[in-house]
Amino acid sequence: MKKKVVSGILIATMLMSLTACGGGTAKKDENQTDFTIVGGQSALSPGYDDNEVLNSLMEEQGIKITWNTMSDSLEEQVNIQIAGGDLPDAYQGVGFSNYDLANYGSDGTFIDLTDYINADTMPNLTAILEENPEIKAAITMEDGSIYGLPSAEQMGTAGIGKDEDYSIFSVPQFSMINKKWLDELGLEVPSTLDELKVALEAFRENDMAAKTYGAPAGSTIPMSTGFDQWCWGQNVFYAGFGFTNWINDVCNDLVLNSDGKVDFVCDNEEYRDALTYFSDW
């Protein structure tokens, strides 16, 4: 029996690009709990098998996912699978184009997701599409079906005359801290930059990587960020000084303000204040 595939991103659950496959009937078995997903990943990524967040979500929902992720020859492998009818239950982030979605949807390979996008099954995505009909229009094919759910985001809308800037994701950027280290040192989760500095100094002075995980002595790195990287740059700490830059920490941004004036982040006093503060770190 030829499988069917659903191409999409489960924004409502996992924030990841997903293409799910069904059976030869119009809909997937509603009682299925075991799934196989083929997905793309960085060559440096360890994969999803030991991902605590995804494993926690699976346990909570009572399902099991077997991940088959690859970085090399991804497009070729996916094409071979589809051509041969040897399909997984889902594809995740493999880069299907609108043409692919429409083509594989029309021949029955991909499942129409329309019936699944409702307040009971996918409340978050449903709310986003209701508030942003242009996004729903963008993912709806000419036959009226939705075969894929690409990631979507809006930001900086004040610059084009809207009332306010906003992002449809609740937390577009965030930082993380090792709670185990804090607990062992008797420290609370920092709520200010000064408190964060104290915690980072304690991490270093107590060599927490060596103490907790048996890493080589003196190898503890209190904090790390990515240079010129999306969502994990040092710019997450700039907001406390009254500014930020998007999308990375290389401050060369020209910001179009709602009054029509262009602002260069690097010549602001707030930027000078931030540099002065962090130079002490």
C-alpha atoms as a PDB file:
ATOM      1  CA  MET A   1       0.000   0.000   0.000  1.00  0.00           C
ATOM      2  CA  LYS A   2       1.458   3.352  -1.022  1.00  0.00           C
ATOM      3  CA  LYS A   3       2.027   5.754   1.822  1.00  0.00           C
ATOM      4  CA  LYS A   4       1.049   9.381   1.852  1.00  0.00           C
ATOM      5  CA  VAL A   5       3.169  12.187   3.243  1.00  0.00           C
ATOM      6  CA  VAL A   6       2.349  15.372   5.062  1.00  0.00           C
ATOM      7  CA  SER A   7       4.819  18.174   4.434  1.00  0.00           C
ATOM      8  CA  GLY A   8       4.903  20.811   7.100  1.00  0.00           C
ATOM      9  CA  ILE A   9       6.237  22.479  10.205  1.00  0.00           C
ATOM     10  CA  LEU A  10       4.600  21.679  13.518  1.00  0.00           C
ATOM     11  CA  ILE A  11       4.786  25.233  14.787  1.00  0.00           C
ATOM     12  CA  ALA A  12       2.145  24.386  17.362  1.00  0.00           C
ATOM     13  CA  THR A  13       4.214  21.643  18.949  1.00  0.00           C
ATOM     14  CA  MET A  14       7.880  21.369  18.051  1.00  0.00           C
ATOM     15  CA  LEU A  15       8.769  24.464  16.022  1.00  0.00           C
ATOM     16  CA  MET A  16      10.297  22.363  13.314  1.00  0.00           C
ATOM     17  CA  SER A  17       9.732  21.670   9.649  1.00  0.00           C
ATOM     18  CA  LEU A  18       7.787  18.436   9.309  1.00  0.00           C
ATOM     19  CA  THR A  19       6.433  16.341   6.448  1.00  0.00           C
ATOM     20  CA  ALA A  20       4.268  13.497   7.700  1.00  0.00           C
ATOM     21  CA  CYS A  21       3.273  10.392   5.753  1.00  0.00           C
ATOM     22  CA  GLY A  22      -0.011   8.537   5.903  1.00  0.00           C
ATOM     23  CA  GLY A  23      -1.484   5.321   4.598  1.00  0.00           C
ATOM     24  CA  GLY A  24      -3.316   4.710   1.371  1.00  0.00           C
ATOM     25  CA  THR A  25      -6.565   6.022   2.813  1.00  0.00           C
ATOM     26  CA  ALA A  26      -7.490   9.675   2.999  1.00  0.00           C
ATOM     27  CA  LYS A  27      -6.244  10.108   6.547  1.00  0.00           C
ATOM     28  CA  LYS A  28      -3.584   8.723   8.812  1.00  0.00           C
ATOM     29  CA  ASP A  29      -4.452   6.109  11.440  1.00  0.00           C
ATOM     30  CA  GLU A  30      -5.580   8.248  14.372  1.00  0.00           C
ATOM     31  CA  ASN A  31      -4.384   5.571  16.825  1.00  0.00           C
ATOM     32  CA  GLN A  32      -0.807   5.404  15.537  1.00  0.00           C
ATOM     33  CA  THR A  33       1.823   6.118  18.205  1.00  0.00           C
ATOM     34  CA  ASP A  34       5.102   5.077  16.509  1.00  0.00           C
ATOM     35  CA  PHE A  35       6.501   7.278  13.756  1.00  0.00           C
ATOM     36  CA  THR A  36       9.601   7.419  11.577  1.00  0.00           C
ATOM     37  CA  ILE A  37      10.833  10.861  10.509  1.00  0.00           C
ATOM     38  CA  VAL A  38      13.476  11.661   7.894  1.00  0.00           C
ATOM     39  CA  GLY A  39      15.054  15.080   8.326  1.00  0.00           C
ATOM     40  CA  GLY A  40      17.932  17.319   7.433  1.00  0.00           C
ATOM     41  CA  GLN A  41      20.537  18.415   9.947  1.00  0.00           C
ATOM     42  CA  SER A  42      23.943  20.024  10.196  1.00  0.00           C
ATOM     43  CA  ALA A  43      26.907  17.702   9.748  1.00  0.00           C
ATOM     44  CA  LEU A  44      27.997  18.769  13.240  1.00  0.00           C
ATOM     45  CA  SER A  45      24.631  18.050  14.860  1.00  0.00           C
ATOM     46  CA  PRO A  46      24.372  15.025  17.181  1.00  0.00           C
ATOM     47  CA  GLY A  47      20.833  14.385  15.939  1.00  0.00           C
ATOM     48  CA  TYR A  48      17.561  14.206  17.866  1.00  0.00           C
ATOM     49  CA  ASP A  49      17.792  10.867  19.664  1.00  0.00           C
ATOM     50  CA  ASP A  50      19.094  12.380  22.912  1.00  0.00           C
ATOM     51  CA  ASN A  51      17.246  15.698  22.654  1.00  0.00           C
ATOM     52  CA  GLU A  52      15.676  16.135  26.079  1.00  0.00           C
ATOM     53  CA  VAL A  53      13.004  18.578  24.906  1.00  0.00           C
ATOM     54  CA  LEU A  54      11.758  16.337  22.098  1.00  0.00           C
ATOM     55  CA  ASN A  55      11.949  13.231  24.263  1.00  0.00           C
ATOM     56  CA  SER A  56       9.953  14.976  26.963  1.00  0.00           C
ATOM     57  CA  LEU A  57       7.311  16.018  24.418  1.00  0.00           C
ATOM     58  CA  MET A  58       7.079  12.457  23.097  1.00  0.00           C
ATOM     59  CA  GLU A  59       6.657  11.046  26.584  1.00  0.00           C
ATOM     60  CA  GLU A  60       4.005  13.621  27.386  1.00  0.00           C
ATOM     61  CA  GLN A  61       2.056  12.805  24.210  1.00  0.00           C
ATOM     62  CA  GLY A  62       2.532   9.048  24.466  1.00  0.00           C
ATOM     63  CA  ILE A  63       4.266   8.645  21.110  1.00  0.00           C
ATOM     64  CA  LYS A  64       7.620   7.352  19.860  1.00  0.00           C
ATOM     65  CA  ILE A  65       9.605   8.870  17.000  1.00  0.00           C
ATOM     66  CA  THR A  66      12.504   7.141  15.262  1.00  0.00           C
ATOM     67  CA  TRP A  67      14.696   9.836  13.706  1.00  0.00           C
ATOM     68  CA  ASN A  68      16.626   9.323  10.475  1.00  0.00           C
ATOM     69  CA  THR A  69      18.560  12.542   9.949  1.00  0.00           C
ATOM     70  CA  MET A  70      21.230  13.305   7.374  1.00  0.00           C
ATOM     71  CA  SER A  71      23.289  16.185   6.040  1.00  0.00           C
ATOM     72  CA  ASP A  72      24.901  14.631   2.951  1.00  0.00           C
ATOM     73  CA  SER A  73      22.923  13.954  -0.244  1.00  0.00           C
ATOM     74  CA  LEU A  74      19.684  14.879   1.540  1.00  0.00           C
ATOM     75  CA  GLU A  75      17.780  16.021  -1.564  1.00  0.00           C
ATOM     76  CA  GLU A  76      18.932  12.985  -3.540  1.00  0.00           C
ATOM     77  CA  GLN A  77      17.911  10.548  -0.802  1.00  0.00           C
ATOM     78  CA  VAL A  78      14.496  12.152  -0.382  1.00  0.00           C
ATOM     79  CA  ASN A  79      13.850  12.042  -4.130  1.00  0.00           C
ATOM     80  CA  ILE A  80      14.824   8.356  -4.240  1.00  0.00           C
ATOM     81  CA  GLN A  81      12.469   7.560  -1.361  1.00  0.00           C
ATOM     82  CA  ILE A  82       9.521   9.363  -2.913  1.00  0.00           C
ATOM     83  CA  ALA A  83      10.142   7.900  -6.359  1.00  0.00           C
ATOM     84  CA  GLY A  84      10.335   4.408  -4.908  1.00  0.00           C
ATOM     85  CA  GLY A  85       7.354   4.804  -2.597  1.00  0.00           C
ATOM     86  CA  ASP A  86       9.519   3.834   0.390  1.00  0.00           C
ATOM     87  CA  LEU A  87       8.330   6.689   2.568  1.00  0.00           C
ATOM     88  CA  PRO A  88       8.773   7.452   6.252  1.00  0.00           C
ATOM     89  CA  ASP A  89       5.885   8.720   8.325  1.00  0.00           C
ATOM     90  CA  ALA A  90       7.239  12.249   8.045  1.00  0.00           C
ATOM     91  CA  TYR A  91       9.833  14.516   6.476  1.00  0.00           C
ATOM     92  CA  GLN A  92      11.281  17.262   8.636  1.00  0.00           C
ATOM     93  CA  GLY A  93      13.020  20.322   7.214  1.00  0.00           C
ATOM     94  CA  VAL A  94      14.150  18.823   3.913  1.00  0.00           C
ATOM     95  CA  GLY A  95      13.459  21.945   1.851  1.00  0.00           C
ATOM     96  CA  PHE A  96      10.394  21.141  -0.242  1.00  0.00           C
ATOM     97  CA  SER A  97       9.433  23.960  -2.616  1.00  0.00           C
ATOM     98  CA  ASN A  98       5.866  25.096  -3.271  1.00  0.00           C
ATOM     99  CA  TYR A  99       6.060  23.178  -6.547  1.00  0.00           C
ATOM    100  CA  ASP A 100       7.043  20.012  -4.662  1.00  0.00           C
ATOM    101  CA  LEU A 101       4.182  20.451  -2.213  1.00  0.00           C
ATOM    102  CA  ALA A 102       1.614  21.012  -4.942  1.00  0.00           C
ATOM    103  CA  ASN A 103       2.977  18.210  -7.123  1.00  0.00           C
ATOM    104  CA  TYR A 104       3.207  15.574  -4.401  1.00  0.00           C
ATOM    105  CA  GLY A 105      -0.064  16.728  -2.892  1.00  0.00           C
ATOM    106  CA  SER A 106      -1.989  16.431  -6.132  1.00  0.00           C
ATOM    107  CA  ASP A 107      -0.769  12.878  -6.781  1.00  0.00           C
ATOM    108  CA  GLY A 108      -1.684  11.754  -3.270  1.00  0.00           C
ATOM    109  CA  THR A 109       1.825  11.456  -1.846  1.00  0.00           C
ATOM    110  CA  PHE A 110       1.334  14.308   0.646  1.00  0.00           C
ATOM    111  CA  ILE A 111      -1.655  14.552   2.952  1.00  0.00           C
ATOM    112  CA  ASP A 112      -3.863  17.635   3.089  1.00  0.00           C
ATOM    113  CA  LEU A 113      -3.393  19.144   6.556  1.00  0.00           C
ATOM    114  CA  THR A 114      -6.439  21.383   6.471  1.00  0.00           C
ATOM    115  CA  ASP A 115      -8.586  19.176   8.719  1.00  0.00           C
ATOM    116  CA  TYR A 116      -5.820  18.998  11.330  1.00  0.00           C
ATOM    117  CA  ILE A 117      -5.445  22.771  11.622  1.00  0.00           C
ATOM    118  CA  ASN A 118      -8.129  23.479  14.198  1.00  0.00           C
ATOM    119  CA  ALA A 119      -8.390  24.859  17.716  1.00  0.00           C
ATOM    120  CA  ASP A 120      -8.416  21.398  19.309  1.00  0.00           C
ATOM    121  CA  THR A 121      -5.507  19.782  17.458  1.00  0.00           C
ATOM    122  CA  MET A 122      -3.243  22.757  16.689  1.00  0.00           C
ATOM    123  CA  PRO A 123      -4.482  25.719  18.761  1.00  0.00           C
ATOM    124  CA  ASN A 124      -1.345  27.852  18.474  1.00  0.00           C
ATOM    125  CA  LEU A 125      -0.988  27.531  14.711  1.00  0.00           C
ATOM    126  CA  THR A 126      -4.733  27.991  14.237  1.00  0.00           C
ATOM    127  CA  ALA A 127      -4.625  31.247  16.189  1.00  0.00           C
ATOM    128  CA  ILE A 128      -1.626  32.500  14.184  1.00  0.00           C
ATOM    129  CA  LEU A 129      -3.340  31.767  10.867  1.00  0.00           C
ATOM    130  CA  GLU A 130      -6.553  33.445  12.008  1.00  0.00           C
ATOM    131  CA  GLU A 131      -4.655  36.569  13.042  1.00  0.00           C
ATOM    132  CA  ASN A 132      -2.481  36.501   9.907  1.00  0.00           C
ATOM    133  CA  PRO A 133      -4.626  35.430   6.935  1.00  0.00           C
ATOM    134  CA  GLU A 134      -1.789  36.314   4.553  1.00  0.00           C
ATOM    135  CA  ILE A 135       0.272  33.477   6.055  1.00  0.00           C
ATOM    136  CA  LYS A 136      -2.565  31.012   5.536  1.00  0.00           C
ATOM    137  CA  ALA A 137      -2.899  32.212   1.954  1.00  0.00           C
ATOM    138  CA  ALA A 138       0.830  31.679   1.392  1.00  0.00           C
ATOM    139  CA  ILE A 139       0.709  28.021   2.487  1.00  0.00           C
ATOM    140  CA  THR A 140      -2.547  27.151   0.708  1.00  0.00           C
ATOM    141  CA  MET A 141      -2.063  25.562  -2.707  1.00  0.00           C
ATOM    142  CA  GLU A 142      -4.219  26.326  -5.751  1.00  0.00           C
ATOM    143  CA  ASP A 143      -6.429  23.297  -5.054  1.00  0.00           C
ATOM    144  CA  GLY A 144      -7.306  24.765  -1.644  1.00  0.00           C
ATOM    145  CA  SER A 145      -5.241  22.236   0.307  1.00  0.00           C
ATOM    146  CA  ILE A 146      -2.393  22.794   2.764  1.00  0.00           C
ATOM    147  CA  TYR A 147       0.372  20.237   2.242  1.00  0.00           C
ATOM    148  CA  GLY A 148       3.201  21.975   4.116  1.00  0.00           C
ATOM    149  CA  LEU A 149       3.634  24.327   7.062  1.00  0.00           C
ATOM    150  CA  PRO A 150       6.745  26.473   6.535  1.00  0.00           C
ATOM    151  CA  SER A 151       8.091  28.591   9.363  1.00  0.00           C
ATOM    152  CA  ALA A 152       6.848  32.179   9.233  1.00  0.00           C
ATOM    153  CA  GLU A 153       7.652  35.306  11.176  1.00  0.00           C
ATOM    154  CA  GLN A 154       6.931  39.012  11.022  1.00  0.00           C
ATOM    155  CA  MET A 155       9.071  41.688  12.632  1.00  0.00           C
ATOM    156  CA  GLY A 156       9.932  45.350  12.289  1.00  0.00           C
ATOM    157  CA  THR A 157       6.432  46.211  11.078  1.00  0.00           C
ATOM    158  CA  ALA A 158       6.414  49.719  12.558  1.00  0.00           C
ATOM    159  CA  GLY A 159       8.819  50.695   9.808  1.00  0.00           C
ATOM    160  CA  ILE A 160       6.124  50.068   7.201  1.00  0.00           C
ATOM    161  CA  GLY A 161       3.403  52.023   8.952  1.00  0.00           C
ATOM    162  CA  LYS A 162       1.976  49.492  11.405  1.00  0.00           C
ATOM    163  CA  ASP A 163       1.100  50.519  14.957  1.00  0.00           C
ATOM    164  CA  GLU A 164       3.769  48.398  16.612  1.00  0.00           C
ATOM    165  CA  ASP A 165       6.680  46.060  16.085  1.00  0.00           C
ATOM    166  CA  TYR A 166       6.013  42.446  16.927  1.00  0.00           C
ATOM    167  CA  SER A 167       7.044  38.881  16.316  1.00  0.00           C
ATOM    168  CA  ILE A 168       4.484  36.093  15.956  1.00  0.00           C
ATOM    169  CA  PHE A 169       6.822  33.838  17.958  1.00  0.00           C
ATOM    170  CA  SER A 170       6.554  34.469  21.683  1.00  0.00           C
ATOM    171  CA  VAL A 171      10.309  34.202  22.340  1.00  0.00           C
ATOM    172  CA  PRO A 172      12.376  34.817  19.206  1.00  0.00           C
ATOM    173  CA  GLN A 173      15.654  34.790  21.153  1.00  0.00           C
ATOM    174  CA  PHE A 174      16.562  33.430  24.553  1.00  0.00           C
ATOM    175  CA  SER A 175      19.489  32.538  26.760  1.00  0.00           C
ATOM    176  CA  MET A 176      20.107  29.421  28.832  1.00  0.00           C
ATOM    177  CA  ILE A 177      21.987  28.814  32.066  1.00  0.00           C
ATOM    178  CA  ASN A 178      23.169  25.648  33.791  1.00  0.00           C
ATOM    179  CA  LYS A 179      20.696  25.276  36.675  1.00  0.00           C
ATOM    180  CA  LYS A 180      22.636  22.318  38.083  1.00  0.00           C
ATOM    181  CA  TRP A 181      25.672  24.550  38.567  1.00  0.00           C
ATOM    182  CA  LEU A 182      23.567  27.257  40.195  1.00  0.00           C
ATOM    183  CA  ASP A 183      22.003  24.765  42.598  1.00  0.00           C
ATOM    184  CA  GLU A 184      25.356  23.294  43.621  1.00  0.00           C
ATOM    185  CA  LEU A 185      26.668  26.807  44.313  1.00  0.00           C
ATOM    186  CA  GLY A 186      23.531  27.852  46.186  1.00  0.00           C
ATOM    187  CA  LEU A 187      22.743  30.600  43.668  1.00  0.00           C
ATOM    188  CA  GLU A 188      19.395  31.765  42.317  1.00  0.00           C
ATOM    189  CA  VAL A 189      18.731  32.166  38.600  1.00  0.00           C
ATOM    190  CA  PRO A 190      20.109  35.640  37.756  1.00  0.00           C
ATOM    191  CA  SER A 191      17.535  38.322  37.021  1.00  0.00           C
ATOM    192  CA  THR A 192      19.962  41.186  36.302  1.00  0.00           C
ATOM    193  CA  LEU A 193      23.226  41.482  34.418  1.00  0.00           C
ATOM    194  CA  ASP A 194      25.107  42.153  37.650  1.00  0.00           C
ATOM    195  CA  GLU A 195      23.708  38.951  39.145  1.00  0.00           C
ATOM    196  CA  LEU A 196      24.644  37.094  35.967  1.00  0.00           C
ATOM    197  CA  LYS A 197      28.224  38.324  36.275  1.00  0.00           C
ATOM    198  CA  VAL A 198      28.406  37.020  39.846  1.00  0.00           C
ATOM    199  CA  ALA A 199      27.112  33.614  38.729  1.00  0.00           C
ATOM    200  CA  LEU A 200      29.545  33.404  35.808  1.00  0.00           C
ATOM    201  CA  GLU A 201      32.475  34.293  38.045  1.00  0.00           C
ATOM    202  CA  ALA A 202      31.387  31.569  40.465  1.00  0.00           C
ATOM    203  CA  PHE A 203      31.201  29.055  37.608  1.00  0.00           C
ATOM    204  CA  ARG A 204      34.774  29.893  36.627  1.00  0.00           C
ATOM    205  CA  GLU A 205      36.276  30.148  40.108  1.00  0.00           C
ATOM    206  CA  ASN A 206      34.771  26.808  41.153  1.00  0.00           C
ATOM    207  CA  ASP A 207      35.666  25.181  37.810  1.00  0.00           C
ATOM    208  CA  MET A 208      32.156  23.733  37.561  1.00  0.00           C
ATOM    209  CA  ALA A 209      32.745  21.777  34.339  1.00  0.00           C
ATOM    210  CA  ALA A 210      35.535  19.841  36.034  1.00  0.00           C
ATOM    211  CA  LYS A 211      33.691  19.539  39.328  1.00  0.00           C
ATOM    212  CA  THR A 212      30.360  18.399  37.879  1.00  0.00           C
ATOM    213  CA  TYR A 213      31.234  16.528  34.701  1.00  0.00           C
ATOM    214  CA  GLY A 214      34.842  15.492  35.215  1.00  0.00           C
ATOM    215  CA  ALA A 215      36.149  17.765  32.466  1.00  0.00           C
ATOM    216  CA  PRO A 216      39.867  18.676  32.492  1.00  0.00           C
ATOM    217  CA  ALA A 217      40.834  21.046  35.309  1.00  0.00           C
ATOM    218  CA  GLY A 218      40.519  24.680  34.356  1.00  0.00           C
ATOM    219  CA  SER A 219      38.382  23.984  31.294  1.00  0.00           C
ATOM    220  CA  THR A 220      35.208  25.692  32.520  1.00  0.00           C
ATOM    221  CA  ILE A 221      33.912  28.358  30.131  1.00  0.00           C
ATOM    222  CA  PRO A 222      31.390  30.429  32.113  1.00  0.00           C
ATOM    223  CA  MET A 223      29.509  31.746  29.085  1.00  0.00           C
ATOM    224  CA  SER A 224      29.651  31.324  25.325  1.00  0.00           C
ATOM    225  CA  THR A 225      27.892  33.020  22.433  1.00  0.00           C
ATOM    226  CA  GLY A 226      28.064  32.692  18.679  1.00  0.00           C
ATOM    227  CA  PHE A 227      29.635  35.486  16.677  1.00  0.00           C
ATOM    228  CA  ASP A 228      27.302  36.768  13.953  1.00  0.00           C
ATOM    229  CA  GLN A 229      24.817  33.977  14.672  1.00  0.00           C
ATOM    230  CA  TRP A 230      21.049  33.775  14.679  1.00  0.00           C
ATOM    231  CA  CYS A 231      19.456  33.520  18.136  1.00  0.00           C
ATOM    232  CA  TRP A 232      22.593  32.805  20.160  1.00  0.00           C
ATOM    233  CA  GLY A 233      24.669  35.938  19.861  1.00  0.00           C
ATOM    234  CA  GLN A 234      25.640  38.299  22.667  1.00  0.00           C
ATOM    235  CA  ASN A 235      22.949  40.717  21.513  1.00  0.00           C
ATOM    236  CA  VAL A 236      20.449  38.957  23.761  1.00  0.00           C
ATOM    237  CA  PHE A 237      22.057  40.965  26.593  1.00  0.00           C
ATOM    238  CA  TYR A 238      21.819  44.361  24.885  1.00  0.00           C
ATOM    239  CA  ALA A 239      18.166  44.993  25.632  1.00  0.00           C
ATOM    240  CA  GLY A 240      18.980  45.967  29.211  1.00  0.00           C
ATOM    241  CA  PHE A 241      20.658  49.066  27.796  1.00  0.00           C
ATOM    242  CA  GLY A 242      17.656  50.130  25.755  1.00  0.00           C
ATOM    243  CA  PHE A 243      18.560  48.774  22.330  1.00  0.00           C
ATOM    244  CA  THR A 244      19.157  45.628  20.385  1.00  0.00           C
ATOM    245  CA  ASN A 245      20.180  44.669  16.901  1.00  0.00           C
ATOM    246  CA  TRP A 246      18.689  42.110  14.589  1.00  0.00           C
ATOM    247  CA  ILE A 247      19.583  39.417  13.741  1.00  0.00           C
ATOM    248  CA  ASN A 248      23.119  39.062  15.011  1.00  0.00           C
ATOM    249  CA  ASP A 249      25.665  40.593  17.362  1.00  0.00           C
ATOM    250  CA  VAL A 250      27.667  42.406  14.686  1.00  0.00           C
ATOM    251  CA  CYS A 251      26.368  45.891  15.384  1.00  0.00           C
ATOM    252  CA  ASN A 252      26.161  47.354  11.918  1.00  0.00           C
ATOM    253  CA  ASP A 253      22.405  47.710  11.842  1.00  0.00           C
ATOM    254  CA  LEU A 254      20.468  50.538  10.258  1.00  0.00           C
ATOM    255  CA  VAL A 255      17.088  50.683  11.994  1.00  0.00           C
ATOM    256  CA  LEU A 256      14.115  52.336  10.291  1.00  0.00           C
ATOM    257  CA  ASN A 257      12.068  53.979  13.035  1.00  0.00           C
ATOM    258  CA  SER A 258       8.344  54.640  12.921  1.00  0.00           C
ATOM    259  CA  ASP A 259       8.980  58.364  12.393  1.00  0.00           C
ATOM    260  CA  GLY A 260      10.739  57.554   9.132  1.00  0.00           C
ATOM    261  CA  LYS A 261      14.235  58.323  10.413  1.00  0.00           C
ATOM    262  CA  VAL A 262      17.090  55.859  10.062  1.00  0.00           C
ATOM    263  CA  ASP A 263      19.115  55.093  13.171  1.00  0.00           C
ATOM    264  CA  PHE A 264      22.627  53.598  13.202  1.00  0.00           C
ATOM    265  CA  VAL A 265      22.913  51.473  16.350  1.00  0.00           C
ATOM    266  CA  CYS A 266      26.665  51.855  16.831  1.00  0.00           C
ATOM    267  CA  ASP A 267      26.673  55.635  17.318  1.00  0.00           C
ATOM    268  CA  ASN A 268      24.099  55.629  20.122  1.00  0.00           C
ATOM    269  CA  GLU A 269      24.947  56.352  23.747  1.00  0.00           C
ATOM    270  CA  GLU A 270      23.172  53.129  24.689  1.00  0.00           C
ATOM    271  CA  TYR A 271      25.669  51.193  22.610  1.00  0.00           C
ATOM    272  CA  ARG A 272      28.570  53.023  24.282  1.00  0.00           C
ATOM    273  CA  ASP A 273      27.060  52.220  27.700  1.00  0.00           C
ATOM    274  CA  ALA A 274      26.825  48.538  26.811  1.00  0.00           C
ATOM    275  CA  LEU A 275      30.427  48.380  25.572  1.00  0.00           C
ATOM    276  CA  THR A 276      31.624  50.171  28.693  1.00  0.00           C
ATOM    277  CA  TYR A 277      29.711  47.781  30.939  1.00  0.00           C
ATOM    278  CA  PHE A 278      30.728  44.548  29.242  1.00  0.00           C
ATOM    279  CA  SER A 279      34.387  45.585  28.892  1.00  0.00           C
ATOM    280  CA  ASP A 280      34.627  44.939  32.633  1.00  0.00           C
ATOM    281  CA  TRP A 281      33.641  41.312  32.073  1.00  0.00           C
END
